[in-house]
Protein backbone atom coordinates (compact mmCIF):
# COMPACT_ATOMS: atom_id res chain seq x y z
CA UNK A 1 0.02 0.02 0.00
CA UNK A 2 1.40 3.43 -1.00
CA UNK A 3 1.75 6.31 1.30
CA UNK A 4 -0.96 8.06 -0.86
CA UNK A 5 -3.45 5.10 -0.22
CA UNK A 6 -2.79 5.01 3.42
CA UNK A 7 -3.32 8.73 3.77
CA UNK A 8 -6.55 8.66 1.88
CA UNK A 9 -7.71 5.47 4.02
CA UNK A 10 -7.16 7.42 7.13
CA UNK A 11 -8.91 10.62 5.97
CA UNK A 12 -6.21 12.86 4.64
CA UNK A 13 -7.23 14.78 1.33
CA UNK A 14 -3.54 15.19 0.33
CA UNK A 15 -0.52 12.80 0.70
CA UNK A 16 1.53 15.94 1.72
CA UNK A 17 -0.73 16.68 4.67
CA UNK A 18 -0.59 13.15 5.68
CA UNK A 19 3.22 12.98 5.42
CA UNK A 20 3.50 16.26 7.66
CA UNK A 21 1.19 15.10 10.35
CA UNK A 22 2.61 11.59 10.43
CA UNK A 23 6.16 13.05 10.61
CA UNK A 24 5.30 15.44 13.44
CA UNK A 25 3.47 12.47 15.24
CA UNK A 26 6.06 9.76 14.94
CA UNK A 27 9.08 12.07 14.64
CA UNK A 28 10.03 10.22 11.43
CA UNK A 29 8.73 10.32 7.87
CA UNK A 30 6.34 7.62 6.86
CA UNK A 31 8.92 6.20 4.46
CA UNK A 32 11.39 5.55 7.22
CA UNK A 33 8.65 4.07 9.40
CA UNK A 34 7.74 1.57 6.52
CA UNK A 35 11.33 0.59 5.94
CA UNK A 36 11.77 -0.07 9.64
CA UNK A 37 8.76 -2.29 9.97
CA UNK A 38 8.63 -3.82 6.46
CA UNK A 39 8.45 -7.44 6.35
CA UNK A 40 9.90 -9.78 3.66
CA UNK A 41 7.71 -12.34 2.20
């Protein structure tokens, strides 16, 4: 699932807004969070 899809799924109209709020909340950008918790299948 892309960052854009995740943002839309949780109610953000813009991926930029989602990234901004996510980065402020988690103190790391969404891409870094995804890399840290990505599982290999």
